[in-house]
Amino acid sequence: MNFRRILVLFFVFVSLKTLALPLSDLQTGDIILLDLDCFSCELIENETGGPFSHSGIVLKLGSQVYVAQSLGSVHHIPLQAFLGYSNKTPHVIRPKHINFSKKRKLLENYKRKYLGMDFDHDYVWDDGKLYCSEFIYKLLKSVYAIEKFKPTPMTYDKNPKGWEIYFGGKLPPSGKLGLSPNDFFFSTGFDGDFRDMGPLY
């Protein structure tokens, strides 16, 4: 068992023992990672060596807490609805380089630039569509909330047959830049030391 696998098991064990994070502690820009169980979700988790396959970003609008995501299209839903996608423990991380003015700009950019964009089933960077982690990265990057964290070349070699089915016989964009939810999970560019939380519903 390699170090990354051990690290994943440790964080999952800790998260299962953590009390629910109060809603008041969530902030605009926080990233919520989910472990989903769909066909492509299992492919993503296996390929990227981590427990998560979907991600959303917290938007606080007044007293209401929403999560923006790219699923079908870029949109936002109430926090409880987002958490309802999975009965497994979510994980929350926070960008280290975010402040009040960046949070306000993030909300503006979300509404002006990203809301309504189509989901990217092909996982191609810069093709006018967005998959979940691509959307979050570009939104945070647009307000300079992340610095050194960058997309890296993606691989699709852990389950070639599964990826062939997913892409309908087309070649996957192997070697092209991209990100997965687990790249956020493993990154040192986020403050996640106390961000594990139990289900809030």
N, C-alpha and C. Protein backbone atom coordinates (compact mmCIF):
# COMPACT_ATOMS: atom_id res chain seq x y z
N MET A 1 0.86 -1.20 0.00
CA MET A 1 0.00 0.00 0.00
C MET A 1 0.89 1.24 0.00
N ASN A 2 0.71 2.12 -1.00
CA ASN A 2 1.57 3.29 -1.08
C ASN A 2 1.12 4.38 -0.11
N PHE A 3 1.97 5.41 0.00
CA PHE A 3 1.72 6.47 0.98
C PHE A 3 0.42 7.20 0.70
N ARG A 4 0.11 7.45 -0.57
CA ARG A 4 -1.11 8.18 -0.91
C ARG A 4 -2.34 7.42 -0.44
N ARG A 5 -2.34 6.09 -0.64
CA ARG A 5 -3.48 5.29 -0.20
C ARG A 5 -3.63 5.35 1.32
N ILE A 6 -2.50 5.28 2.02
CA ILE A 6 -2.53 5.35 3.48
C ILE A 6 -3.10 6.69 3.92
N LEU A 7 -2.68 7.78 3.23
CA LEU A 7 -3.16 9.11 3.57
C LEU A 7 -4.66 9.22 3.36
N VAL A 8 -5.16 8.65 2.26
CA VAL A 8 -6.59 8.68 1.99
C VAL A 8 -7.36 7.97 3.10
N LEU A 9 -6.89 6.78 3.47
CA LEU A 9 -7.58 6.02 4.52
C LEU A 9 -7.58 6.77 5.83
N PHE A 10 -6.47 7.47 6.12
CA PHE A 10 -6.39 8.24 7.36
C PHE A 10 -7.44 9.35 7.37
N PHE A 11 -7.53 10.12 6.27
CA PHE A 11 -8.48 11.23 6.23
C PHE A 11 -9.92 10.73 6.27
N VAL A 12 -10.20 9.60 5.61
CA VAL A 12 -11.55 9.06 5.66
C VAL A 12 -11.89 8.63 7.08
N PHE A 13 -10.93 7.99 7.76
CA PHE A 13 -11.16 7.56 9.14
C PHE A 13 -11.43 8.75 10.04
N VAL A 14 -10.63 9.82 9.88
CA VAL A 14 -10.82 11.02 10.70
C VAL A 14 -12.17 11.65 10.42
N SER A 15 -12.55 11.73 9.14
CA SER A 15 -13.79 12.40 8.80
C SER A 15 -15.00 11.68 9.37
N LEU A 16 -14.93 10.37 9.45
CA LEU A 16 -16.05 9.60 9.99
C LEU A 16 -16.23 9.83 11.47
N LYS A 17 -15.19 10.31 12.15
CA LYS A 17 -15.25 10.51 13.58
C LYS A 17 -15.47 11.98 13.96
N THR A 18 -15.65 12.83 12.93
CA THR A 18 -15.76 14.26 13.18
C THR A 18 -17.21 14.68 13.34
N LEU A 19 -17.47 15.59 14.26
CA LEU A 19 -18.82 16.12 14.44
C LEU A 19 -19.19 16.97 13.24
N ALA A 20 -20.47 17.11 13.00
CA ALA A 20 -20.94 17.93 11.88
C ALA A 20 -20.43 19.36 12.00
N LEU A 21 -19.97 19.89 10.90
CA LEU A 21 -19.47 21.27 10.87
C LEU A 21 -20.65 22.23 10.90
N PRO A 22 -20.68 23.19 11.82
CA PRO A 22 -21.80 24.14 11.87
C PRO A 22 -21.93 24.91 10.55
N LEU A 23 -23.15 25.14 10.13
CA LEU A 23 -23.38 25.87 8.90
C LEU A 23 -22.72 27.23 8.91
N SER A 24 -22.65 27.85 10.08
CA SER A 24 -22.07 29.18 10.18
C SER A 24 -20.58 29.19 9.87
N ASP A 25 -19.92 28.03 9.93
CA ASP A 25 -18.49 27.96 9.65
C ASP A 25 -18.19 27.91 8.16
N LEU A 26 -19.16 27.55 7.35
CA LEU A 26 -18.93 27.51 5.91
C LEU A 26 -18.84 28.93 5.36
N GLN A 27 -17.92 29.11 4.40
CA GLN A 27 -17.71 30.43 3.82
C GLN A 27 -17.73 30.34 2.29
N THR A 28 -18.06 31.44 1.66
CA THR A 28 -17.98 31.51 0.21
C THR A 28 -16.56 31.14 -0.23
N GLY A 29 -16.45 30.23 -1.18
CA GLY A 29 -15.15 29.78 -1.66
C GLY A 29 -14.74 28.43 -1.11
N ASP A 30 -15.38 27.96 -0.04
CA ASP A 30 -15.09 26.63 0.47
C ASP A 30 -15.46 25.59 -0.58
N ILE A 31 -14.67 24.54 -0.69
CA ILE A 31 -14.92 23.48 -1.66
C ILE A 31 -15.40 22.24 -0.92
N ILE A 32 -16.52 21.69 -1.34
CA ILE A 32 -17.05 20.46 -0.76
C ILE A 32 -16.81 19.32 -1.74
N LEU A 33 -16.15 18.28 -1.26
CA LEU A 33 -15.85 17.10 -2.07
C LEU A 33 -16.78 15.97 -1.67
N LEU A 34 -17.34 15.28 -2.68
CA LEU A 34 -18.27 14.19 -2.42
C LEU A 34 -17.79 12.90 -3.07
N ASP A 35 -18.12 11.79 -2.43
CA ASP A 35 -17.88 10.45 -2.96
C ASP A 35 -19.20 9.94 -3.53
N LEU A 36 -19.32 9.95 -4.86
CA LEU A 36 -20.53 9.46 -5.52
C LEU A 36 -20.28 8.06 -6.06
N ASP A 37 -21.36 7.40 -6.50
CA ASP A 37 -21.25 5.99 -6.87
C ASP A 37 -21.68 5.69 -8.30
N CYS A 38 -21.68 6.67 -9.18
CA CYS A 38 -22.04 6.41 -10.56
C CYS A 38 -20.89 5.73 -11.31
N PHE A 39 -21.15 5.30 -12.54
CA PHE A 39 -20.14 4.60 -13.33
C PHE A 39 -18.90 5.46 -13.54
N SER A 40 -19.09 6.68 -14.03
CA SER A 40 -17.94 7.55 -14.27
C SER A 40 -17.29 7.98 -12.96
N CYS A 41 -18.07 8.06 -11.88
CA CYS A 41 -17.52 8.43 -10.57
C CYS A 41 -16.51 7.40 -10.11
N GLU A 42 -16.85 6.13 -10.26
CA GLU A 42 -15.93 5.07 -9.86
C GLU A 42 -14.67 5.09 -10.73
N LEU A 43 -14.83 5.39 -12.01
CA LEU A 43 -13.66 5.51 -12.89
C LEU A 43 -12.74 6.62 -12.41
N ILE A 44 -13.32 7.76 -12.06
CA ILE A 44 -12.53 8.92 -11.61
C ILE A 44 -11.78 8.60 -10.33
N GLU A 45 -12.46 8.02 -9.36
CA GLU A 45 -11.82 7.72 -8.08
C GLU A 45 -10.69 6.72 -8.26
N ASN A 46 -10.92 5.70 -9.07
CA ASN A 46 -9.88 4.69 -9.31
C ASN A 46 -8.69 5.30 -10.04
N GLU A 47 -8.95 6.14 -11.03
CA GLU A 47 -7.88 6.73 -11.83
C GLU A 47 -7.04 7.71 -11.03
N THR A 48 -7.68 8.46 -10.14
CA THR A 48 -6.98 9.54 -9.44
C THR A 48 -6.53 9.17 -8.04
N GLY A 49 -6.80 7.95 -7.60
CA GLY A 49 -6.25 7.46 -6.34
C GLY A 49 -6.80 8.11 -5.10
N GLY A 50 -8.04 8.54 -5.13
CA GLY A 50 -8.64 9.18 -3.96
C GLY A 50 -10.10 8.82 -3.83
N PRO A 51 -10.74 9.25 -2.75
CA PRO A 51 -12.11 8.83 -2.47
C PRO A 51 -13.21 9.69 -3.08
N PHE A 52 -12.85 10.77 -3.79
CA PHE A 52 -13.87 11.73 -4.21
C PHE A 52 -14.01 11.81 -5.73
N SER A 53 -15.25 12.04 -6.16
CA SER A 53 -15.53 12.09 -7.60
C SER A 53 -16.39 13.28 -8.01
N HIS A 54 -16.79 14.10 -7.06
CA HIS A 54 -17.57 15.30 -7.40
C HIS A 54 -17.19 16.43 -6.45
N SER A 55 -17.36 17.65 -6.93
CA SER A 55 -16.99 18.81 -6.11
C SER A 55 -17.94 19.96 -6.39
N GLY A 56 -18.14 20.77 -5.37
CA GLY A 56 -18.94 21.98 -5.49
C GLY A 56 -18.30 23.08 -4.67
N ILE A 57 -18.71 24.31 -4.90
CA ILE A 57 -18.13 25.45 -4.19
C ILE A 57 -19.22 26.22 -3.46
N VAL A 58 -18.96 26.57 -2.23
CA VAL A 58 -19.95 27.23 -1.37
C VAL A 58 -20.15 28.68 -1.78
N LEU A 59 -21.41 29.09 -1.84
CA LEU A 59 -21.78 30.48 -2.07
C LEU A 59 -22.73 30.89 -0.95
N LYS A 60 -22.35 31.88 -0.18
CA LYS A 60 -23.24 32.38 0.87
C LYS A 60 -23.93 33.64 0.35
N LEU A 61 -25.23 33.57 0.22
CA LEU A 61 -26.02 34.69 -0.27
C LEU A 61 -26.95 35.13 0.85
N GLY A 62 -26.54 36.15 1.57
CA GLY A 62 -27.27 36.56 2.76
C GLY A 62 -27.16 35.49 3.82
N SER A 63 -28.28 35.04 4.32
CA SER A 63 -28.28 33.98 5.33
C SER A 63 -28.38 32.59 4.72
N GLN A 64 -28.48 32.53 3.39
CA GLN A 64 -28.64 31.24 2.71
C GLN A 64 -27.30 30.69 2.25
N VAL A 65 -27.14 29.37 2.35
CA VAL A 65 -25.92 28.70 1.91
C VAL A 65 -26.25 27.83 0.71
N TYR A 66 -25.58 28.11 -0.40
CA TYR A 66 -25.75 27.34 -1.63
C TYR A 66 -24.43 26.69 -2.01
N VAL A 67 -24.53 25.72 -2.91
CA VAL A 67 -23.33 25.12 -3.49
C VAL A 67 -23.46 25.21 -5.01
N ALA A 68 -22.48 25.83 -5.64
CA ALA A 68 -22.44 25.91 -7.10
C ALA A 68 -21.68 24.71 -7.63
N GLN A 69 -22.15 24.16 -8.73
CA GLN A 69 -21.53 22.97 -9.29
C GLN A 69 -21.72 22.96 -10.80
N SER A 70 -20.89 22.17 -11.47
CA SER A 70 -21.12 21.88 -12.87
C SER A 70 -21.58 20.44 -12.97
N LEU A 71 -22.86 20.27 -13.14
CA LEU A 71 -23.48 18.95 -13.26
C LEU A 71 -24.71 19.14 -14.14
N GLY A 72 -24.59 18.73 -15.41
CA GLY A 72 -25.60 19.09 -16.39
C GLY A 72 -25.31 20.46 -16.95
N SER A 73 -25.20 21.42 -16.07
CA SER A 73 -24.76 22.78 -16.40
C SER A 73 -24.23 23.40 -15.12
N VAL A 74 -23.66 24.58 -15.23
CA VAL A 74 -23.20 25.28 -14.03
C VAL A 74 -24.41 25.97 -13.39
N HIS A 75 -24.68 25.62 -12.14
CA HIS A 75 -25.82 26.18 -11.42
C HIS A 75 -25.55 26.03 -9.94
N HIS A 76 -26.45 26.53 -9.10
CA HIS A 76 -26.29 26.39 -7.66
C HIS A 76 -27.58 25.86 -7.04
N ILE A 77 -27.40 25.10 -5.97
CA ILE A 77 -28.53 24.49 -5.27
C ILE A 77 -28.30 24.67 -3.77
N PRO A 78 -29.34 24.53 -2.95
CA PRO A 78 -29.14 24.63 -1.50
C PRO A 78 -28.15 23.59 -0.99
N LEU A 79 -27.43 23.95 0.05
CA LEU A 79 -26.42 23.06 0.63
C LEU A 79 -26.98 21.67 0.92
N GLN A 80 -28.15 21.61 1.54
CA GLN A 80 -28.71 20.31 1.93
C GLN A 80 -28.97 19.43 0.70
N ALA A 81 -29.40 20.05 -0.39
CA ALA A 81 -29.64 19.29 -1.61
C ALA A 81 -28.34 18.73 -2.17
N PHE A 82 -27.28 19.52 -2.12
CA PHE A 82 -25.98 19.05 -2.61
C PHE A 82 -25.49 17.89 -1.76
N LEU A 83 -25.56 18.02 -0.45
CA LEU A 83 -25.10 16.95 0.43
C LEU A 83 -25.95 15.69 0.27
N GLY A 84 -27.18 15.87 -0.18
CA GLY A 84 -28.06 14.73 -0.37
C GLY A 84 -27.68 13.82 -1.53
N TYR A 85 -26.72 14.24 -2.35
CA TYR A 85 -26.24 13.38 -3.44
C TYR A 85 -25.56 12.12 -2.91
N SER A 86 -25.02 12.18 -1.70
CA SER A 86 -24.24 11.06 -1.17
C SER A 86 -24.54 10.87 0.30
N ASN A 87 -24.56 9.61 0.74
CA ASN A 87 -24.72 9.32 2.17
C ASN A 87 -23.37 9.09 2.84
N LYS A 88 -22.30 9.39 2.10
CA LYS A 88 -20.95 9.25 2.65
C LYS A 88 -20.45 10.60 3.15
N THR A 89 -19.48 10.57 4.03
CA THR A 89 -19.00 11.79 4.67
C THR A 89 -18.32 12.72 3.66
N PRO A 90 -18.79 13.96 3.53
CA PRO A 90 -18.12 14.91 2.64
C PRO A 90 -16.86 15.47 3.29
N HIS A 91 -16.07 16.13 2.48
CA HIS A 91 -14.82 16.73 2.95
C HIS A 91 -14.81 18.18 2.47
N VAL A 92 -14.45 19.11 3.34
CA VAL A 92 -14.46 20.53 2.99
C VAL A 92 -13.05 21.09 3.10
N ILE A 93 -12.63 21.82 2.07
CA ILE A 93 -11.33 22.49 2.10
C ILE A 93 -11.54 23.96 1.78
N ARG A 94 -10.59 24.79 2.19
CA ARG A 94 -10.71 26.24 2.04
C ARG A 94 -9.45 26.80 1.38
N PRO A 95 -9.60 27.58 0.31
CA PRO A 95 -8.42 28.22 -0.29
C PRO A 95 -7.71 29.10 0.73
N LYS A 96 -6.40 29.07 0.70
CA LYS A 96 -5.62 29.85 1.66
C LYS A 96 -5.57 31.33 1.31
N HIS A 97 -5.77 31.66 0.04
CA HIS A 97 -5.59 33.05 -0.40
C HIS A 97 -6.94 33.68 -0.76
N ILE A 98 -7.83 33.73 0.20
CA ILE A 98 -9.14 34.33 -0.08
C ILE A 98 -9.51 35.26 1.07
N ASN A 99 -10.12 36.38 0.72
CA ASN A 99 -10.54 37.35 1.73
C ASN A 99 -11.92 37.90 1.34
N PHE A 100 -12.39 38.89 2.08
CA PHE A 100 -13.75 39.39 1.86
C PHE A 100 -13.94 39.92 0.45
N SER A 101 -13.00 40.73 -0.03
CA SER A 101 -13.16 41.33 -1.36
C SER A 101 -13.12 40.26 -2.45
N LYS A 102 -12.30 39.23 -2.26
CA LYS A 102 -12.24 38.15 -3.24
C LYS A 102 -13.53 37.33 -3.23
N LYS A 103 -14.11 37.15 -2.05
CA LYS A 103 -15.38 36.43 -1.97
C LYS A 103 -16.48 37.19 -2.70
N ARG A 104 -16.52 38.49 -2.53
CA ARG A 104 -17.52 39.31 -3.22
C ARG A 104 -17.32 39.24 -4.73
N LYS A 105 -16.06 39.32 -5.18
CA LYS A 105 -15.76 39.24 -6.60
C LYS A 105 -16.08 37.85 -7.14
N LEU A 106 -15.86 36.83 -6.33
CA LEU A 106 -16.16 35.46 -6.74
C LEU A 106 -17.65 35.32 -7.06
N LEU A 107 -18.49 35.86 -6.20
CA LEU A 107 -19.94 35.81 -6.45
C LEU A 107 -20.30 36.53 -7.74
N GLU A 108 -19.67 37.68 -7.97
CA GLU A 108 -19.93 38.45 -9.19
C GLU A 108 -19.50 37.67 -10.43
N ASN A 109 -18.29 37.10 -10.37
CA ASN A 109 -17.78 36.35 -11.52
C ASN A 109 -18.61 35.11 -11.80
N TYR A 110 -19.05 34.45 -10.74
CA TYR A 110 -19.90 33.27 -10.92
C TYR A 110 -21.14 33.62 -11.72
N LYS A 111 -21.83 34.66 -11.32
CA LYS A 111 -23.08 35.04 -11.99
C LYS A 111 -22.83 35.57 -13.40
N ARG A 112 -21.74 36.29 -13.57
CA ARG A 112 -21.48 36.96 -14.85
C ARG A 112 -20.81 36.06 -15.88
N LYS A 113 -19.89 35.18 -15.43
CA LYS A 113 -19.07 34.42 -16.37
C LYS A 113 -19.43 32.94 -16.49
N TYR A 114 -19.89 32.34 -15.41
CA TYR A 114 -19.96 30.88 -15.39
C TYR A 114 -21.36 30.29 -15.29
N LEU A 115 -22.28 30.97 -14.65
CA LEU A 115 -23.63 30.45 -14.47
C LEU A 115 -24.27 30.10 -15.81
N GLY A 116 -24.74 28.88 -15.93
CA GLY A 116 -25.41 28.44 -17.14
C GLY A 116 -24.54 27.74 -18.16
N MET A 117 -23.22 27.73 -17.96
CA MET A 117 -22.33 27.04 -18.91
C MET A 117 -22.60 25.54 -18.90
N ASP A 118 -22.41 24.89 -20.04
CA ASP A 118 -22.68 23.46 -20.17
C ASP A 118 -21.63 22.62 -19.45
N PHE A 119 -22.06 21.44 -19.02
CA PHE A 119 -21.13 20.47 -18.44
C PHE A 119 -20.27 19.87 -19.54
N ASP A 120 -19.01 19.60 -19.23
CA ASP A 120 -18.06 19.06 -20.20
C ASP A 120 -17.91 17.55 -20.00
N HIS A 121 -18.65 16.78 -20.77
CA HIS A 121 -18.58 15.32 -20.68
C HIS A 121 -17.26 14.78 -21.23
N ASP A 122 -16.55 15.59 -22.02
CA ASP A 122 -15.31 15.13 -22.65
C ASP A 122 -14.07 15.42 -21.83
N TYR A 123 -14.22 16.15 -20.72
CA TYR A 123 -13.09 16.48 -19.84
C TYR A 123 -11.95 17.18 -20.59
N VAL A 124 -12.30 18.10 -21.44
CA VAL A 124 -11.30 18.85 -22.21
C VAL A 124 -11.20 20.27 -21.65
N TRP A 125 -9.99 20.68 -21.34
CA TRP A 125 -9.74 22.01 -20.78
C TRP A 125 -9.91 23.06 -21.87
N ASP A 126 -10.59 24.16 -21.56
CA ASP A 126 -10.73 25.29 -22.48
C ASP A 126 -11.46 24.95 -23.77
N ASP A 127 -12.58 24.24 -23.65
CA ASP A 127 -13.39 23.96 -24.84
C ASP A 127 -14.76 24.63 -24.76
N GLY A 128 -14.90 25.60 -23.85
CA GLY A 128 -16.17 26.31 -23.73
C GLY A 128 -17.18 25.62 -22.85
N LYS A 129 -16.80 24.47 -22.29
CA LYS A 129 -17.65 23.74 -21.35
C LYS A 129 -16.82 23.45 -20.10
N LEU A 130 -17.48 23.08 -19.02
CA LEU A 130 -16.78 22.91 -17.74
C LEU A 130 -17.24 21.65 -17.02
N TYR A 131 -16.29 20.83 -16.58
CA TYR A 131 -16.64 19.75 -15.64
C TYR A 131 -16.44 20.28 -14.23
N CYS A 132 -16.81 19.51 -13.21
CA CYS A 132 -16.96 20.07 -11.86
C CYS A 132 -15.70 20.73 -11.31
N SER A 133 -14.59 20.02 -11.33
CA SER A 133 -13.37 20.59 -10.74
C SER A 133 -12.75 21.67 -11.62
N GLU A 134 -12.96 21.58 -12.93
CA GLU A 134 -12.49 22.64 -13.83
C GLU A 134 -13.21 23.95 -13.52
N PHE A 135 -14.52 23.87 -13.34
CA PHE A 135 -15.31 25.05 -12.99
C PHE A 135 -14.82 25.70 -11.71
N ILE A 136 -14.60 24.90 -10.67
CA ILE A 136 -14.17 25.44 -9.38
C ILE A 136 -12.80 26.09 -9.50
N TYR A 137 -11.88 25.41 -10.17
CA TYR A 137 -10.53 25.97 -10.33
C TYR A 137 -10.59 27.32 -11.04
N LYS A 138 -11.31 27.38 -12.16
CA LYS A 138 -11.33 28.61 -12.95
C LYS A 138 -12.04 29.74 -12.22
N LEU A 139 -13.07 29.41 -11.44
CA LEU A 139 -13.75 30.44 -10.66
C LEU A 139 -12.83 31.00 -9.59
N LEU A 140 -12.15 30.13 -8.85
CA LEU A 140 -11.22 30.58 -7.82
C LEU A 140 -10.03 31.33 -8.43
N LYS A 141 -9.54 30.83 -9.55
CA LYS A 141 -8.40 31.48 -10.21
C LYS A 141 -8.78 32.87 -10.70
N SER A 142 -10.04 33.07 -11.06
CA SER A 142 -10.47 34.37 -11.58
C SER A 142 -10.42 35.47 -10.53
N VAL A 143 -10.36 35.09 -9.25
CA VAL A 143 -10.27 36.09 -8.18
C VAL A 143 -8.94 35.95 -7.43
N TYR A 144 -7.99 35.21 -8.02
CA TYR A 144 -6.65 35.03 -7.44
C TYR A 144 -6.72 34.41 -6.04
N ALA A 145 -7.66 33.47 -5.85
CA ALA A 145 -7.78 32.79 -4.56
C ALA A 145 -6.88 31.57 -4.47
N ILE A 146 -6.28 31.18 -5.59
CA ILE A 146 -5.30 30.10 -5.60
C ILE A 146 -4.09 30.59 -6.39
N GLU A 147 -2.91 30.08 -6.01
CA GLU A 147 -1.68 30.57 -6.62
C GLU A 147 -0.91 29.46 -7.34
N LYS A 148 -0.26 28.58 -6.60
CA LYS A 148 0.61 27.59 -7.22
C LYS A 148 -0.14 26.36 -7.72
N PHE A 149 -1.31 26.12 -7.22
CA PHE A 149 -2.11 24.97 -7.62
C PHE A 149 -2.51 25.09 -9.08
N LYS A 150 -2.16 24.08 -9.90
CA LYS A 150 -2.40 24.16 -11.34
C LYS A 150 -2.89 22.82 -11.88
N PRO A 151 -3.54 22.85 -13.04
CA PRO A 151 -3.92 21.59 -13.69
C PRO A 151 -2.68 20.84 -14.14
N THR A 152 -2.79 19.53 -14.23
CA THR A 152 -1.69 18.67 -14.65
C THR A 152 -2.18 17.71 -15.73
N PRO A 153 -1.26 17.09 -16.48
CA PRO A 153 -1.68 16.13 -17.50
C PRO A 153 -2.46 14.97 -16.89
N MET A 154 -3.58 14.65 -17.50
CA MET A 154 -4.45 13.59 -16.98
C MET A 154 -4.12 12.25 -17.63
N THR A 155 -4.41 11.19 -16.90
CA THR A 155 -4.22 9.84 -17.40
C THR A 155 -5.55 9.09 -17.37
N TYR A 156 -5.63 8.08 -18.22
CA TYR A 156 -6.84 7.25 -18.30
C TYR A 156 -6.45 5.79 -18.48
N ASP A 157 -5.43 5.35 -17.75
CA ASP A 157 -4.88 4.02 -18.00
C ASP A 157 -5.20 2.98 -16.94
N LYS A 158 -5.88 3.36 -15.86
CA LYS A 158 -6.18 2.38 -14.81
C LYS A 158 -7.28 1.40 -15.24
N ASN A 159 -8.23 1.88 -16.01
CA ASN A 159 -9.33 1.05 -16.49
C ASN A 159 -9.66 1.43 -17.93
N PRO A 160 -8.80 1.04 -18.87
CA PRO A 160 -8.99 1.45 -20.27
C PRO A 160 -10.35 1.05 -20.83
N LYS A 161 -10.82 -0.14 -20.48
CA LYS A 161 -12.11 -0.60 -21.00
C LYS A 161 -13.24 0.28 -20.48
N GLY A 162 -13.17 0.62 -19.20
CA GLY A 162 -14.19 1.49 -18.64
C GLY A 162 -14.22 2.85 -19.30
N TRP A 163 -13.04 3.41 -19.54
CA TRP A 163 -12.97 4.72 -20.19
C TRP A 163 -13.43 4.64 -21.65
N GLU A 164 -13.14 3.52 -22.30
CA GLU A 164 -13.60 3.34 -23.68
C GLU A 164 -15.13 3.37 -23.73
N ILE A 165 -15.75 2.72 -22.74
CA ILE A 165 -17.22 2.74 -22.67
C ILE A 165 -17.71 4.16 -22.41
N TYR A 166 -17.07 4.84 -21.46
CA TYR A 166 -17.50 6.20 -21.11
C TYR A 166 -17.42 7.14 -22.31
N PHE A 167 -16.31 7.08 -23.04
CA PHE A 167 -16.10 7.99 -24.17
C PHE A 167 -16.72 7.48 -25.47
N GLY A 168 -17.47 6.40 -25.40
CA GLY A 168 -18.16 5.90 -26.58
C GLY A 168 -17.24 5.43 -27.67
N GLY A 169 -16.10 4.86 -27.30
CA GLY A 169 -15.15 4.36 -28.27
C GLY A 169 -14.13 5.38 -28.72
N LYS A 170 -14.31 6.64 -28.37
CA LYS A 170 -13.34 7.67 -28.73
C LYS A 170 -12.14 7.62 -27.78
N LEU A 171 -11.02 8.12 -28.25
CA LEU A 171 -9.84 8.18 -27.39
C LEU A 171 -10.03 9.23 -26.32
N PRO A 172 -9.69 8.91 -25.06
CA PRO A 172 -9.77 9.92 -24.00
C PRO A 172 -8.67 10.97 -24.18
N PRO A 173 -8.83 12.15 -23.58
CA PRO A 173 -7.82 13.21 -23.72
C PRO A 173 -6.60 12.97 -22.83
N SER A 174 -6.00 11.83 -22.98
CA SER A 174 -4.84 11.47 -22.16
C SER A 174 -3.68 12.43 -22.41
N GLY A 175 -3.05 12.88 -21.33
CA GLY A 175 -1.93 13.80 -21.44
C GLY A 175 -2.34 15.26 -21.51
N LYS A 176 -3.62 15.52 -21.68
CA LYS A 176 -4.11 16.90 -21.70
C LYS A 176 -4.27 17.41 -20.26
N LEU A 177 -4.17 18.72 -20.09
CA LEU A 177 -4.29 19.29 -18.76
C LEU A 177 -5.69 19.11 -18.20
N GLY A 178 -5.74 18.91 -16.89
CA GLY A 178 -7.03 18.77 -16.24
C GLY A 178 -6.87 18.65 -14.74
N LEU A 179 -8.00 18.54 -14.05
CA LEU A 179 -8.03 18.40 -12.60
C LEU A 179 -9.16 17.47 -12.21
N SER A 180 -8.99 16.81 -11.08
CA SER A 180 -10.06 16.00 -10.52
C SER A 180 -10.36 16.48 -9.11
N PRO A 181 -11.48 16.09 -8.53
CA PRO A 181 -11.73 16.44 -7.13
C PRO A 181 -10.61 16.00 -6.19
N ASN A 182 -9.97 14.88 -6.51
CA ASN A 182 -8.89 14.41 -5.64
C ASN A 182 -7.62 15.25 -5.75
N ASP A 183 -7.47 15.99 -6.83
CA ASP A 183 -6.35 16.94 -6.90
C ASP A 183 -6.54 18.03 -5.85
N PHE A 184 -7.77 18.48 -5.65
CA PHE A 184 -8.04 19.42 -4.57
C PHE A 184 -7.75 18.77 -3.22
N PHE A 185 -8.18 17.53 -3.06
CA PHE A 185 -8.02 16.81 -1.79
C PHE A 185 -6.56 16.69 -1.40
N PHE A 186 -5.70 16.38 -2.36
CA PHE A 186 -4.29 16.15 -2.06
C PHE A 186 -3.45 17.43 -2.09
N SER A 187 -4.01 18.54 -2.57
CA SER A 187 -3.24 19.76 -2.71
C SER A 187 -2.87 20.37 -1.37
N THR A 188 -1.71 21.03 -1.34
CA THR A 188 -1.30 21.78 -0.14
C THR A 188 -1.73 23.24 -0.24
N GLY A 189 -2.43 23.61 -1.29
CA GLY A 189 -2.86 24.99 -1.48
C GLY A 189 -4.17 25.32 -0.80
N PHE A 190 -4.64 24.41 0.04
CA PHE A 190 -5.92 24.60 0.71
C PHE A 190 -5.77 24.28 2.18
N ASP A 191 -6.61 24.91 2.98
CA ASP A 191 -6.59 24.70 4.42
C ASP A 191 -7.66 23.68 4.77
N GLY A 192 -7.25 22.43 4.96
CA GLY A 192 -8.22 21.39 5.23
C GLY A 192 -8.04 20.70 6.56
N ASP A 193 -7.17 21.23 7.42
CA ASP A 193 -6.84 20.53 8.65
C ASP A 193 -8.06 20.28 9.53
N PHE A 194 -9.02 21.21 9.54
CA PHE A 194 -10.18 21.05 10.40
C PHE A 194 -11.47 21.07 9.59
N ARG A 195 -11.33 20.79 8.32
CA ARG A 195 -12.47 20.95 7.44
C ARG A 195 -13.24 19.66 7.18
N ASP A 196 -12.87 18.54 7.76
CA ASP A 196 -13.69 17.35 7.62
C ASP A 196 -15.00 17.58 8.35
N MET A 197 -16.08 17.10 7.79
CA MET A 197 -17.35 17.26 8.49
C MET A 197 -18.23 16.06 8.25
N GLY A 198 -19.09 15.79 9.21
CA GLY A 198 -20.07 14.75 9.03
C GLY A 198 -21.25 15.29 8.24
N PRO A 199 -22.16 14.42 7.82
CA PRO A 199 -23.35 14.88 7.09
C PRO A 199 -24.11 15.94 7.87
N LEU A 200 -24.63 16.95 7.18
CA LEU A 200 -25.33 18.04 7.84
C LEU A 200 -26.85 17.88 7.73
N TYR A 201 -27.31 16.73 7.28
CA TYR A 201 -28.74 16.53 7.13
C TYR A 201 -29.19 15.36 7.98
